[in-house]
Amino acid sequence: MARAPIVEFENVGLAYGDEAETLCDVNLQLFEGEFRFLTGPSGAGKTSLLKMIYLAHRPTRGRFSLFGEDAAAAPRSALPALRRRIGVVFQEFRLIDHLTAYENVALPMKVAGINQNQYREDVSELLNWVGLGHRMEAKPPTLSGGEKQRVALARALVSKPDLILADEPTGNVDPAMSERIMKLFVELNKLGAAVVVATHDLHLVQSLGKPVLRIADGKVSRSAGAGGAG
Protein backbone atom coordinates (compact mmCIF):
# COMPACT_ATOMS: atom_id res chain seq x y z
CA MET A 1 0.00 0.00 0.00
CA ALA A 2 1.40 3.40 -1.01
CA ARG A 3 2.37 5.78 1.76
CA ALA A 4 0.31 8.93 2.16
CA PRO A 5 2.33 12.17 2.28
CA ILE A 6 2.35 14.10 5.54
CA VAL A 7 2.71 17.37 3.56
CA GLU A 8 1.19 17.85 0.13
CA PHE A 9 0.88 20.99 -2.00
CA GLU A 10 -1.06 20.96 -5.28
CA ASN A 11 -0.79 24.06 -7.48
CA VAL A 12 -0.40 26.27 -4.42
CA GLY A 13 0.17 30.00 -4.68
CA LEU A 14 0.96 32.48 -1.91
CA ALA A 15 0.63 36.25 -2.22
CA TYR A 16 0.83 38.97 0.40
CA GLY A 17 -2.01 41.43 -0.08
CA ASP A 18 -2.20 42.77 -3.63
CA GLU A 19 1.45 41.97 -4.40
CA ALA A 20 2.58 39.43 -6.99
CA GLU A 21 2.78 35.86 -5.75
CA THR A 22 5.82 35.06 -3.63
CA LEU A 23 5.31 31.36 -4.39
CA CYS A 24 3.43 30.07 -7.41
CA ASP A 25 2.26 26.65 -8.64
CA VAL A 26 3.96 24.77 -5.81
CA ASN A 27 3.59 21.00 -6.19
CA LEU A 28 5.32 19.14 -3.40
CA GLN A 29 5.02 15.98 -1.34
CA LEU A 30 6.90 15.19 1.87
CA PHE A 31 6.66 11.74 3.41
CA GLU A 32 7.28 10.42 6.91
CA GLY A 33 10.98 9.95 7.56
CA GLU A 34 12.21 12.19 4.71
CA PHE A 35 15.01 14.73 5.13
CA ARG A 36 15.25 17.65 2.72
CA PHE A 37 17.28 20.81 2.51
CA LEU A 38 15.55 23.96 1.25
CA THR A 39 17.78 26.40 -0.63
CA GLY A 40 17.48 29.51 -2.75
CA PRO A 41 18.47 33.19 -2.87
CA SER A 42 17.54 35.55 -0.04
CA GLY A 43 13.94 36.65 -0.45
CA ALA A 44 13.07 33.70 -2.70
CA GLY A 45 10.37 32.45 -0.33
CA LYS A 46 12.05 29.78 1.83
CA THR A 47 10.62 31.17 5.06
CA SER A 48 7.22 31.70 3.43
CA LEU A 49 7.09 28.03 2.40
CA LEU A 50 8.00 26.89 5.92
CA LYS A 51 5.37 29.19 7.42
CA MET A 52 2.71 27.76 5.11
CA ILE A 53 3.62 24.26 6.27
CA TYR A 54 3.41 25.44 9.89
CA LEU A 55 0.02 27.04 9.19
CA ALA A 56 1.23 30.54 10.01
CA HIS A 57 0.21 31.52 6.46
CA ARG A 58 -2.69 30.15 4.43
CA PRO A 59 -2.24 29.58 0.67
CA THR A 60 -4.06 32.10 -1.50
CA ARG A 61 -4.88 29.32 -3.96
CA GLY A 62 -4.41 25.59 -4.49
CA ARG A 63 -4.73 22.58 -2.18
CA PHE A 64 -2.60 21.96 0.89
CA SER A 65 -2.90 18.92 3.13
CA LEU A 66 -1.03 18.31 6.38
CA PHE A 67 -1.03 14.91 8.11
CA GLY A 68 -3.90 13.91 5.83
CA GLU A 69 -6.05 16.93 6.77
CA ASP A 70 -7.19 19.63 4.31
CA ALA A 71 -5.14 22.36 6.01
CA ALA A 72 -6.07 25.09 3.54
CA ALA A 73 -9.76 24.77 4.45
CA ALA A 74 -9.48 23.62 8.06
CA PRO A 75 -11.25 25.77 10.68
CA ARG A 76 -9.00 27.82 12.94
CA SER A 77 -9.99 25.61 15.89
CA ALA A 78 -8.38 22.59 14.20
CA LEU A 79 -4.98 24.20 13.68
CA PRO A 80 -3.45 23.88 17.20
CA ALA A 81 -3.69 20.07 17.11
CA LEU A 82 -1.88 20.00 13.76
CA ARG A 83 0.78 22.46 14.93
CA ARG A 84 1.54 20.35 17.99
CA ARG A 85 2.92 17.67 15.67
CA ILE A 86 5.46 20.13 14.22
CA GLY A 87 8.69 21.40 15.76
CA VAL A 88 9.68 24.81 14.38
CA VAL A 89 12.99 26.71 14.56
CA PHE A 90 12.55 30.09 12.90
CA GLN A 91 15.07 32.92 12.69
CA GLU A 92 13.08 34.93 15.22
CA PHE A 93 13.58 32.91 18.39
CA ARG A 94 10.36 33.93 20.20
CA LEU A 95 11.74 33.12 23.63
CA ILE A 96 9.94 34.45 26.71
CA ASP A 97 12.28 36.82 28.52
CA HIS A 98 11.05 36.21 32.07
CA LEU A 99 11.42 32.43 31.79
CA THR A 100 14.72 30.56 32.20
CA ALA A 101 16.25 28.57 29.35
CA TYR A 102 14.92 25.41 30.99
CA GLU A 103 11.41 26.87 31.32
CA ASN A 104 11.42 28.08 27.70
CA VAL A 105 12.35 24.61 26.45
CA ALA A 106 9.78 22.96 28.72
CA LEU A 107 6.97 25.33 27.70
CA PRO A 108 5.41 23.14 24.94
CA MET A 109 5.17 20.24 27.37
CA LYS A 110 3.72 22.41 30.12
CA VAL A 111 1.12 23.90 27.76
CA ALA A 112 0.14 20.38 26.70
CA GLY A 113 -0.58 19.56 30.36
CA ILE A 114 2.23 17.03 30.76
CA ASN A 115 3.59 16.46 34.25
CA GLN A 116 7.09 17.85 34.78
CA ASN A 117 8.32 14.47 35.99
CA GLN A 118 7.68 13.13 32.50
CA TYR A 119 9.77 15.71 30.64
CA ARG A 120 12.40 17.01 33.09
CA GLU A 121 15.03 14.53 31.88
CA ASP A 122 14.31 15.23 28.18
CA VAL A 123 14.61 19.00 28.67
CA SER A 124 17.89 18.66 30.56
CA GLU A 125 19.28 16.20 28.02
CA LEU A 126 18.48 18.49 25.08
CA LEU A 127 20.00 21.54 26.76
CA ASN A 128 23.16 19.53 27.47
CA TRP A 129 23.22 18.31 23.86
CA VAL A 130 23.19 21.86 22.51
CA GLY A 131 25.91 22.91 24.96
CA LEU A 132 23.73 24.83 27.40
CA GLY A 133 23.59 22.49 30.36
CA HIS A 134 25.38 25.15 32.41
CA ARG A 135 22.89 27.86 31.35
CA MET A 136 19.59 26.19 32.25
CA GLU A 137 18.70 28.90 34.76
CA ALA A 138 19.76 31.81 32.52
CA LYS A 139 17.07 34.06 31.06
CA PRO A 140 17.05 35.14 27.38
CA PRO A 141 18.25 38.74 27.96
CA THR A 142 21.52 37.32 29.33
CA LEU A 143 22.04 34.90 26.42
CA SER A 144 23.98 35.52 23.21
CA GLY A 145 22.30 35.20 19.81
CA GLY A 146 23.78 31.74 19.32
CA GLU A 147 22.67 30.61 22.76
CA LYS A 148 19.13 31.86 22.12
CA GLN A 149 19.10 29.95 18.86
CA ARG A 150 20.09 26.75 20.65
CA VAL A 151 17.37 27.24 23.29
CA ALA A 152 14.83 27.71 20.50
CA LEU A 153 16.12 24.54 18.83
CA ALA A 154 15.79 22.50 22.03
CA ARG A 155 12.25 23.84 22.57
CA ALA A 156 11.26 22.80 19.04
CA LEU A 157 12.51 19.25 19.54
CA VAL A 158 11.48 18.48 23.12
CA SER A 159 8.05 17.13 22.20
CA LYS A 160 9.54 14.69 19.65
CA PRO A 161 7.55 16.12 16.72
CA ASP A 162 6.54 14.19 13.60
CA LEU A 163 7.82 17.04 11.41
CA ILE A 164 10.75 19.39 12.06
CA LEU A 165 11.04 22.71 10.20
CA ALA A 166 14.26 24.68 10.66
CA ASP A 167 15.04 28.07 9.10
CA GLU A 168 18.83 28.68 9.06
CA PRO A 169 19.28 26.70 12.33
CA THR A 170 23.08 27.00 12.20
CA GLY A 171 23.22 30.67 11.24
CA ASN A 172 24.47 31.96 14.62
CA VAL A 173 26.65 29.09 15.83
CA ASP A 174 30.24 28.01 15.24
CA PRO A 175 31.13 25.10 12.89
CA ALA A 176 31.47 22.58 15.72
CA MET A 177 28.02 23.38 17.11
CA SER A 178 26.61 23.47 13.58
CA GLU A 179 27.81 19.89 13.07
CA ARG A 180 26.35 18.88 16.44
CA ILE A 181 22.95 20.41 15.61
CA MET A 182 22.81 18.67 12.24
CA LYS A 183 23.74 15.37 13.87
CA LEU A 184 20.75 15.82 16.19
CA PHE A 185 18.45 16.42 13.19
CA VAL A 186 19.82 13.30 11.48
CA GLU A 187 19.25 11.18 14.60
CA LEU A 188 15.66 12.43 14.98
CA ASN A 189 15.12 11.74 11.28
CA LYS A 190 16.34 8.16 11.78
CA LEU A 191 13.71 7.80 14.53
CA GLY A 192 11.01 8.71 12.01
CA ALA A 193 10.62 12.49 12.05
CA ALA A 194 10.49 14.25 8.69
CA VAL A 195 12.96 17.16 8.54
CA VAL A 196 13.12 20.26 6.34
CA VAL A 197 16.13 22.57 6.84
CA ALA A 198 16.33 25.91 5.03
CA THR A 199 19.94 27.04 4.68
CA HIS A 200 22.43 29.08 2.67
CA ASP A 201 25.30 26.90 3.88
CA LEU A 202 26.48 25.04 0.77
CA HIS A 203 29.03 23.00 2.76
CA LEU A 204 26.26 21.81 5.08
CA VAL A 205 24.10 20.73 2.15
CA GLN A 206 26.96 18.91 0.43
CA SER A 207 28.19 17.20 3.60
CA LEU A 208 24.93 15.33 4.22
CA GLY A 209 23.97 14.61 0.61
CA LYS A 210 20.23 14.80 1.32
CA PRO A 211 17.64 15.72 -1.35
CA VAL A 212 17.40 19.45 -2.03
CA LEU A 213 14.39 21.64 -2.69
CA ARG A 214 15.29 24.88 -4.48
CA ILE A 215 13.17 28.00 -4.64
CA ALA A 216 13.80 30.51 -7.43
CA ASP A 217 11.43 32.95 -9.13
CA GLY A 218 8.57 31.70 -6.98
CA LYS A 219 8.97 28.10 -8.17
CA VAL A 220 9.99 25.06 -6.14
CA SER A 221 12.06 22.30 -7.76
CA ARG A 222 13.68 19.16 -6.43
CA SER A 223 17.02 17.49 -7.01
CA ALA A 224 18.28 14.16 -5.73
CA GLY A 225 21.37 15.48 -3.99
CA ALA A 226 23.30 18.52 -2.91
CA GLY A 227 23.66 21.59 -5.04
CA GLY A 228 24.03 25.35 -5.01
CA ALA A 229 22.44 27.05 -2.03
CA GLY A 230 22.25 30.44 -3.62
C-alpha atoms as a PDB file:
ATOM      1  CA  MET A   1       0.000   0.000   0.000  1.00  0.00           C
ATOM      2  CA  ALA A   2       1.399   3.398  -1.012  1.00  0.00           C
ATOM      3  CA  ARG A   3       2.369   5.781   1.759  1.00  0.00           C
ATOM      4  CA  ALA A   4       0.311   8.931   2.159  1.00  0.00           C
ATOM      5  CA  PRO A   5       2.331  12.170   2.276  1.00  0.00           C
ATOM      6  CA  ILE A   6       2.349  14.104   5.543  1.00  0.00           C
ATOM      7  CA  VAL A   7       2.714  17.369   3.562  1.00  0.00           C
ATOM      8  CA  GLU A   8       1.193  17.854   0.128  1.00  0.00           C
ATOM      9  CA  PHE A   9       0.880  20.988  -2.004  1.00  0.00           C
ATOM     10  CA  GLU A  10      -1.063  20.961  -5.279  1.00  0.00           C
ATOM     11  CA  ASN A  11      -0.792  24.065  -7.482  1.00  0.00           C
ATOM     12  CA  VAL A  12      -0.401  26.272  -4.423  1.00  0.00           C
ATOM     13  CA  GLY A  13       0.171  30.002  -4.676  1.00  0.00           C
ATOM     14  CA  LEU A  14       0.960  32.481  -1.909  1.00  0.00           C
ATOM     15  CA  ALA A  15       0.626  36.249  -2.223  1.00  0.00           C
ATOM     16  CA  TYR A  16       0.832  38.974   0.397  1.00  0.00           C
ATOM     17  CA  GLY A  17      -2.013  41.431  -0.078  1.00  0.00           C
ATOM     18  CA  ASP A  18      -2.198  42.768  -3.626  1.00  0.00           C
ATOM     19  CA  GLU A  19       1.449  41.969  -4.398  1.00  0.00           C
ATOM     20  CA  ALA A  20       2.582  39.433  -6.992  1.00  0.00           C
ATOM     21  CA  GLU A  21       2.779  35.858  -5.751  1.00  0.00           C
ATOM     22  CA  THR A  22       5.822  35.057  -3.626  1.00  0.00           C
ATOM     23  CA  LEU A  23       5.309  31.360  -4.391  1.00  0.00           C
ATOM     24  CA  CYS A  24       3.426  30.069  -7.415  1.00  0.00           C
ATOM     25  CA  ASP A  25       2.265  26.649  -8.637  1.00  0.00           C
ATOM     26  CA  VAL A  26       3.955  24.765  -5.807  1.00  0.00           C
ATOM     27  CA  ASN A  27       3.589  20.999  -6.186  1.00  0.00           C
ATOM     28  CA  LEU A  28       5.325  19.137  -3.404  1.00  0.00           C
ATOM     29  CA  GLN A  29       5.018  15.977  -1.338  1.00  0.00           C
ATOM     30  CA  LEU A  30       6.898  15.189   1.872  1.00  0.00           C
ATOM     31  CA  PHE A  31       6.664  11.741   3.414  1.00  0.00           C
ATOM     32  CA  GLU A  32       7.281  10.420   6.913  1.00  0.00           C
ATOM     33  CA  GLY A  33      10.983   9.954   7.559  1.00  0.00           C
ATOM     34  CA  GLU A  34      12.206  12.194   4.711  1.00  0.00           C
ATOM     35  CA  PHE A  35      15.009  14.735   5.134  1.00  0.00           C
ATOM     36  CA  ARG A  36      15.253  17.652   2.717  1.00  0.00           C
ATOM     37  CA  PHE A  37      17.277  20.814   2.512  1.00  0.00           C
ATOM     38  CA  LEU A  38      15.551  23.958   1.250  1.00  0.00           C
ATOM     39  CA  THR A  39      17.781  26.397  -0.626  1.00  0.00           C
ATOM     40  CA  GLY A  40      17.477  29.507  -2.751  1.00  0.00           C
ATOM     41  CA  PRO A  41      18.468  33.189  -2.869  1.00  0.00           C
ATOM     42  CA  SER A  42      17.544  35.547  -0.043  1.00  0.00           C
ATOM     43  CA  GLY A  43      13.941  36.650  -0.447  1.00  0.00           C
ATOM     44  CA  ALA A  44      13.073  33.698  -2.701  1.00  0.00           C
ATOM     45  CA  GLY A  45      10.372  32.450  -0.328  1.00  0.00           C
ATOM     46  CA  LYS A  46      12.046  29.783   1.828  1.00  0.00           C
ATOM     47  CA  THR A  47      10.621  31.167   5.065  1.00  0.00           C
ATOM     48  CA  SER A  48       7.217  31.700   3.427  1.00  0.00           C
ATOM     49  CA  LEU A  49       7.089  28.029   2.403  1.00  0.00           C
ATOM     50  CA  LEU A  50       8.001  26.891   5.921  1.00  0.00           C
ATOM     51  CA  LYS A  51       5.370  29.193   7.418  1.00  0.00           C
ATOM     52  CA  MET A  52       2.711  27.763   5.109  1.00  0.00           C
ATOM     53  CA  ILE A  53       3.619  24.257   6.269  1.00  0.00           C
ATOM     54  CA  TYR A  54       3.410  25.435   9.885  1.00  0.00           C
ATOM     55  CA  LEU A  55       0.017  27.036   9.190  1.00  0.00           C
ATOM     56  CA  ALA A  56       1.234  30.540  10.007  1.00  0.00           C
ATOM     57  CA  HIS A  57       0.211  31.523   6.455  1.00  0.00           C
ATOM     58  CA  ARG A  58      -2.691  30.155   4.426  1.00  0.00           C
ATOM     59  CA  PRO A  59      -2.238  29.584   0.673  1.00  0.00           C
ATOM     60  CA  THR A  60      -4.057  32.097  -1.496  1.00  0.00           C
ATOM     61  CA  ARG A  61      -4.880  29.316  -3.956  1.00  0.00           C
ATOM     62  CA  GLY A  62      -4.414  25.591  -4.489  1.00  0.00           C
ATOM     63  CA  ARG A  63      -4.730  22.582  -2.185  1.00  0.00           C
ATOM     64  CA  PHE A  64      -2.597  21.963   0.890  1.00  0.00           C
ATOM     65  CA  SER A  65      -2.901  18.921   3.131  1.00  0.00           C
ATOM     66  CA  LEU A  66      -1.033  18.307   6.382  1.00  0.00           C
ATOM     67  CA  PHE A  67      -1.034  14.910   8.110  1.00  0.00           C
ATOM     68  CA  GLY A  68      -3.899  13.914   5.834  1.00  0.00           C
ATOM     69  CA  GLU A  69      -6.051  16.928   6.765  1.00  0.00           C
ATOM     70  CA  ASP A  70      -7.187  19.631   4.314  1.00  0.00           C
ATOM     71  CA  ALA A  71      -5.144  22.357   6.006  1.00  0.00           C
ATOM     72  CA  ALA A  72      -6.074  25.093   3.543  1.00  0.00           C
ATOM     73  CA  ALA A  73      -9.762  24.773   4.452  1.00  0.00           C
ATOM     74  CA  ALA A  74      -9.482  23.620   8.065  1.00  0.00           C
ATOM     75  CA  PRO A  75     -11.247  25.774  10.679  1.00  0.00           C
ATOM     76  CA  ARG A  76      -9.002  27.819  12.944  1.00  0.00           C
ATOM     77  CA  SER A  77      -9.986  25.610  15.892  1.00  0.00           C
ATOM     78  CA  ALA A  78      -8.381  22.587  14.202  1.00  0.00           C
ATOM     79  CA  LEU A  79      -4.977  24.202  13.680  1.00  0.00           C
ATOM     80  CA  PRO A  80      -3.445  23.880  17.196  1.00  0.00           C
ATOM     81  CA  ALA A  81      -3.689  20.074  17.107  1.00  0.00           C
ATOM     82  CA  LEU A  82      -1.878  20.000  13.758  1.00  0.00           C
ATOM     83  CA  ARG A  83       0.780  22.459  14.925  1.00  0.00           C
ATOM     84  CA  ARG A  84       1.543  20.350  17.991  1.00  0.00           C
ATOM     85  CA  ARG A  85       2.921  17.666  15.667  1.00  0.00           C
ATOM     86  CA  ILE A  86       5.462  20.130  14.222  1.00  0.00           C
ATOM     87  CA  GLY A  87       8.692  21.405  15.755  1.00  0.00           C
ATOM     88  CA  VAL A  88       9.683  24.813  14.384  1.00  0.00           C
ATOM     89  CA  VAL A  89      12.985  26.708  14.564  1.00  0.00           C
ATOM     90  CA  PHE A  90      12.548  30.091  12.899  1.00  0.00           C
ATOM     91  CA  GLN A  91      15.072  32.916  12.694  1.00  0.00           C
ATOM     92  CA  GLU A  92      13.076  34.929  15.216  1.00  0.00           C
ATOM     93  CA  PHE A  93      13.576  32.911  18.386  1.00  0.00           C
ATOM     94  CA  ARG A  94      10.360  33.927  20.204  1.00  0.00           C
ATOM     95  CA  LEU A  95      11.742  33.122  23.626  1.00  0.00           C
ATOM     96  CA  ILE A  96       9.938  34.448  26.714  1.00  0.00           C
ATOM     97  CA  ASP A  97      12.284  36.818  28.517  1.00  0.00           C
ATOM     98  CA  HIS A  98      11.050  36.214  32.070  1.00  0.00           C
ATOM     99  CA  LEU A  99      11.424  32.433  31.792  1.00  0.00           C
ATOM    100  CA  THR A 100      14.715  30.557  32.201  1.00  0.00           C
ATOM    101  CA  ALA A 101      16.251  28.570  29.354  1.00  0.00           C
ATOM    102  CA  TYR A 102      14.917  25.406  30.994  1.00  0.00           C
ATOM    103  CA  GLU A 103      11.410  26.872  31.315  1.00  0.00           C
ATOM    104  CA  ASN A 104      11.420  28.076  27.700  1.00  0.00           C
ATOM    105  CA  VAL A 105      12.348  24.613  26.449  1.00  0.00           C
ATOM    106  CA  ALA A 106       9.778  22.957  28.722  1.00  0.00           C
ATOM    107  CA  LEU A 107       6.970  25.327  27.705  1.00  0.00           C
ATOM    108  CA  PRO A 108       5.406  23.145  24.937  1.00  0.00           C
ATOM    109  CA  MET A 109       5.168  20.237  27.366  1.00  0.00           C
ATOM    110  CA  LYS A 110       3.724  22.407  30.117  1.00  0.00           C
ATOM    111  CA  VAL A 111       1.119  23.902  27.755  1.00  0.00           C
ATOM    112  CA  ALA A 112       0.141  20.377  26.702  1.00  0.00           C
ATOM    113  CA  GLY A 113      -0.584  19.561  30.359  1.00  0.00           C
ATOM    114  CA  ILE A 114       2.233  17.027  30.756  1.00  0.00           C
ATOM    115  CA  ASN A 115       3.586  16.463  34.255  1.00  0.00           C
ATOM    116  CA  GLN A 116       7.095  17.854  34.780  1.00  0.00           C
ATOM    117  CA  ASN A 117       8.317  14.471  35.995  1.00  0.00           C
ATOM    118  CA  GLN A 118       7.683  13.135  32.497  1.00  0.00           C
ATOM    119  CA  TYR A 119       9.773  15.713  30.639  1.00  0.00           C
ATOM    120  CA  ARG A 120      12.401  17.013  33.086  1.00  0.00           C
ATOM    121  CA  GLU A 121      15.027  14.534  31.875  1.00  0.00           C
ATOM    122  CA  ASP A 122      14.309  15.228  28.185  1.00  0.00           C
ATOM    123  CA  VAL A 123      14.611  18.995  28.673  1.00  0.00           C
ATOM    124  CA  SER A 124      17.891  18.664  30.559  1.00  0.00           C
ATOM    125  CA  GLU A 125      19.283  16.203  28.018  1.00  0.00           C
ATOM    126  CA  LEU A 126      18.477  18.489  25.077  1.00  0.00           C
ATOM    127  CA  LEU A 127      20.003  21.539  26.760  1.00  0.00           C
ATOM    128  CA  ASN A 128      23.158  19.529  27.471  1.00  0.00           C
ATOM    129  CA  TRP A 129      23.216  18.309  23.861  1.00  0.00           C
ATOM    130  CA  VAL A 130      23.191  21.864  22.507  1.00  0.00           C
ATOM    131  CA  GLY A 131      25.905  22.910  24.956  1.00  0.00           C
ATOM    132  CA  LEU A 132      23.728  24.834  27.397  1.00  0.00           C
ATOM    133  CA  GLY A 133      23.592  22.493  30.359  1.00  0.00           C
ATOM    134  CA  HIS A 134      25.380  25.151  32.408  1.00  0.00           C
ATOM    135  CA  ARG A 135      22.888  27.859  31.347  1.00  0.00           C
ATOM    136  CA  MET A 136      19.593  26.187  32.249  1.00  0.00           C
ATOM    137  CA  GLU A 137      18.699  28.904  34.765  1.00  0.00           C
ATOM    138  CA  ALA A 138      19.762  31.805  32.521  1.00  0.00           C
ATOM    139  CA  LYS A 139      17.066  34.057  31.059  1.00  0.00           C
ATOM    140  CA  PRO A 140      17.051  35.145  27.381  1.00  0.00           C
ATOM    141  CA  PRO A 141      18.245  38.738  27.962  1.00  0.00           C
ATOM    142  CA  THR A 142      21.519  37.316  29.327  1.00  0.00           C
ATOM    143  CA  LEU A 143      22.044  34.898  26.415  1.00  0.00           C
ATOM    144  CA  SER A 144      23.977  35.524  23.207  1.00  0.00           C
ATOM    145  CA  GLY A 145      22.299  35.196  19.806  1.00  0.00           C
ATOM    146  CA  GLY A 146      23.785  31.745  19.317  1.00  0.00           C
ATOM    147  CA  GLU A 147      22.667  30.613  22.763  1.00  0.00           C
ATOM    148  CA  LYS A 148      19.125  31.860  22.117  1.00  0.00           C
ATOM    149  CA  GLN A 149      19.098  29.946  18.855  1.00  0.00           C
ATOM    150  CA  ARG A 150      20.091  26.753  20.652  1.00  0.00           C
ATOM    151  CA  VAL A 151      17.373  27.235  23.291  1.00  0.00           C
ATOM    152  CA  ALA A 152      14.825  27.710  20.499  1.00  0.00           C
ATOM    153  CA  LEU A 153      16.124  24.544  18.835  1.00  0.00           C
ATOM    154  CA  ALA A 154      15.788  22.503  22.027  1.00  0.00           C
ATOM    155  CA  ARG A 155      12.251  23.844  22.573  1.00  0.00           C
ATOM    156  CA  ALA A 156      11.256  22.803  19.037  1.00  0.00           C
ATOM    157  CA  LEU A 157      12.513  19.250  19.541  1.00  0.00           C
ATOM    158  CA  VAL A 158      11.485  18.478  23.125  1.00  0.00           C
ATOM    159  CA  SER A 159       8.046  17.130  22.196  1.00  0.00           C
ATOM    160  CA  LYS A 160       9.544  14.691  19.649  1.00  0.00           C
ATOM    161  CA  PRO A 161       7.550  16.117  16.717  1.00  0.00           C
ATOM    162  CA  ASP A 162       6.543  14.188  13.599  1.00  0.00           C
ATOM    163  CA  LEU A 163       7.815  17.037  11.411  1.00  0.00           C
ATOM    164  CA  ILE A 164      10.745  19.393  12.063  1.00  0.00           C
ATOM    165  CA  LEU A 165      11.042  22.713  10.200  1.00  0.00           C
ATOM    166  CA  ALA A 166      14.258  24.682  10.657  1.00  0.00           C
ATOM    167  CA  ASP A 167      15.040  28.072   9.101  1.00  0.00           C
ATOM    168  CA  GLU A 168      18.831  28.677   9.064  1.00  0.00           C
ATOM    169  CA  PRO A 169      19.283  26.699  12.331  1.00  0.00           C
ATOM    170  CA  THR A 170      23.080  26.996  12.196  1.00  0.00           C
ATOM    171  CA  GLY A 171      23.222  30.671  11.241  1.00  0.00           C
ATOM    172  CA  ASN A 172      24.466  31.960  14.617  1.00  0.00           C
ATOM    173  CA  VAL A 173      26.646  29.094  15.828  1.00  0.00           C
ATOM    174  CA  ASP A 174      30.237  28.011  15.237  1.00  0.00           C
ATOM    175  CA  PRO A 175      31.129  25.105  12.892  1.00  0.00           C
ATOM    176  CA  ALA A 176      31.475  22.577  15.720  1.00  0.00           C
ATOM    177  CA  MET A 177      28.019  23.384  17.112  1.00  0.00           C
ATOM    178  CA  SER A 178      26.610  23.467  13.575  1.00  0.00           C
ATOM    179  CA  GLU A 179      27.805  19.894  13.070  1.00  0.00           C
ATOM    180  CA  ARG A 180      26.355  18.878  16.435  1.00  0.00           C
ATOM    181  CA  ILE A 181      22.953  20.407  15.606  1.00  0.00           C
ATOM    182  CA  MET A 182      22.808  18.673  12.238  1.00  0.00           C
ATOM    183  CA  LYS A 183      23.737  15.367  13.873  1.00  0.00           C
ATOM    184  CA  LEU A 184      20.751  15.821  16.187  1.00  0.00           C
ATOM    185  CA  PHE A 185      18.451  16.418  13.193  1.00  0.00           C
ATOM    186  CA  VAL A 186      19.817  13.302  11.484  1.00  0.00           C
ATOM    187  CA  GLU A 187      19.252  11.180  14.604  1.00  0.00           C
ATOM    188  CA  LEU A 188      15.663  12.427  14.980  1.00  0.00           C
ATOM    189  CA  ASN A 189      15.120  11.743  11.282  1.00  0.00           C
ATOM    190  CA  LYS A 190      16.338   8.156  11.778  1.00  0.00           C
ATOM    191  CA  LEU A 191      13.715   7.802  14.527  1.00  0.00           C
ATOM    192  CA  GLY A 192      11.008   8.707  12.006  1.00  0.00           C
ATOM    193  CA  ALA A 193      10.624  12.487  12.055  1.00  0.00           C
ATOM    194  CA  ALA A 194      10.487  14.254   8.693  1.00  0.00           C
ATOM    195  CA  VAL A 195      12.957  17.158   8.535  1.00  0.00           C
ATOM    196  CA  VAL A 196      13.124  20.264   6.340  1.00  0.00           C
ATOM    197  CA  VAL A 197      16.131  22.566   6.839  1.00  0.00           C
ATOM    198  CA  ALA A 198      16.333  25.906   5.035  1.00  0.00           C
ATOM    199  CA  THR A 199      19.940  27.038   4.684  1.00  0.00           C
ATOM    200  CA  HIS A 200      22.429  29.084   2.670  1.00  0.00           C
ATOM    201  CA  ASP A 201      25.302  26.898   3.879  1.00  0.00           C
ATOM    202  CA  LEU A 202      26.484  25.037   0.766  1.00  0.00           C
ATOM    203  CA  HIS A 203      29.029  23.005   2.761  1.00  0.00           C
ATOM    204  CA  LEU A 204      26.264  21.815   5.081  1.00  0.00           C
ATOM    205  CA  VAL A 205      24.099  20.734   2.148  1.00  0.00           C
ATOM    206  CA  GLN A 206      26.956  18.910   0.428  1.00  0.00           C
ATOM    207  CA  SER A 207      28.187  17.200   3.605  1.00  0.00           C
ATOM    208  CA  LEU A 208      24.932  15.326   4.220  1.00  0.00           C
ATOM    209  CA  GLY A 209      23.971  14.608   0.611  1.00  0.00           C
ATOM    210  CA  LYS A 210      20.231  14.804   1.316  1.00  0.00           C
ATOM    211  CA  PRO A 211      17.639  15.725  -1.352  1.00  0.00           C
ATOM    212  CA  VAL A 212      17.398  19.445  -2.033  1.00  0.00           C
ATOM    213  CA  LEU A 213      14.387  21.642  -2.694  1.00  0.00           C
ATOM    214  CA  ARG A 214      15.291  24.878  -4.485  1.00  0.00           C
ATOM    215  CA  ILE A 215      13.174  28.005  -4.643  1.00  0.00           C
ATOM    216  CA  ALA A 216      13.799  30.511  -7.429  1.00  0.00           C
ATOM    217  CA  ASP A 217      11.434  32.947  -9.132  1.00  0.00           C
ATOM    218  CA  GLY A 218       8.573  31.702  -6.979  1.00  0.00           C
ATOM    219  CA  LYS A 219       8.968  28.102  -8.167  1.00  0.00           C
ATOM    220  CA  VAL A 220       9.993  25.056  -6.137  1.00  0.00           C
ATOM    221  CA  SER A 221      12.061  22.300  -7.765  1.00  0.00           C
ATOM    222  CA  ARG A 222      13.678  19.162  -6.430  1.00  0.00           C
ATOM    223  CA  SER A 223      17.024  17.491  -7.007  1.00  0.00           C
ATOM    224  CA  ALA A 224      18.283  14.160  -5.733  1.00  0.00           C
ATOM    225  CA  GLY A 225      21.372  15.479  -3.986  1.00  0.00           C
ATOM    226  CA  ALA A 226      23.301  18.522  -2.908  1.00  0.00           C
ATOM    227  CA  GLY A 227      23.658  21.590  -5.042  1.00  0.00           C
ATOM    228  CA  GLY A 228      24.026  25.346  -5.008  1.00  0.00           C
ATOM    229  CA  ALA A 229      22.443  27.047  -2.033  1.00  0.00           C
ATOM    230  CA  GLY A 230      22.251  30.442  -3.623  1.00  0.00           C
END
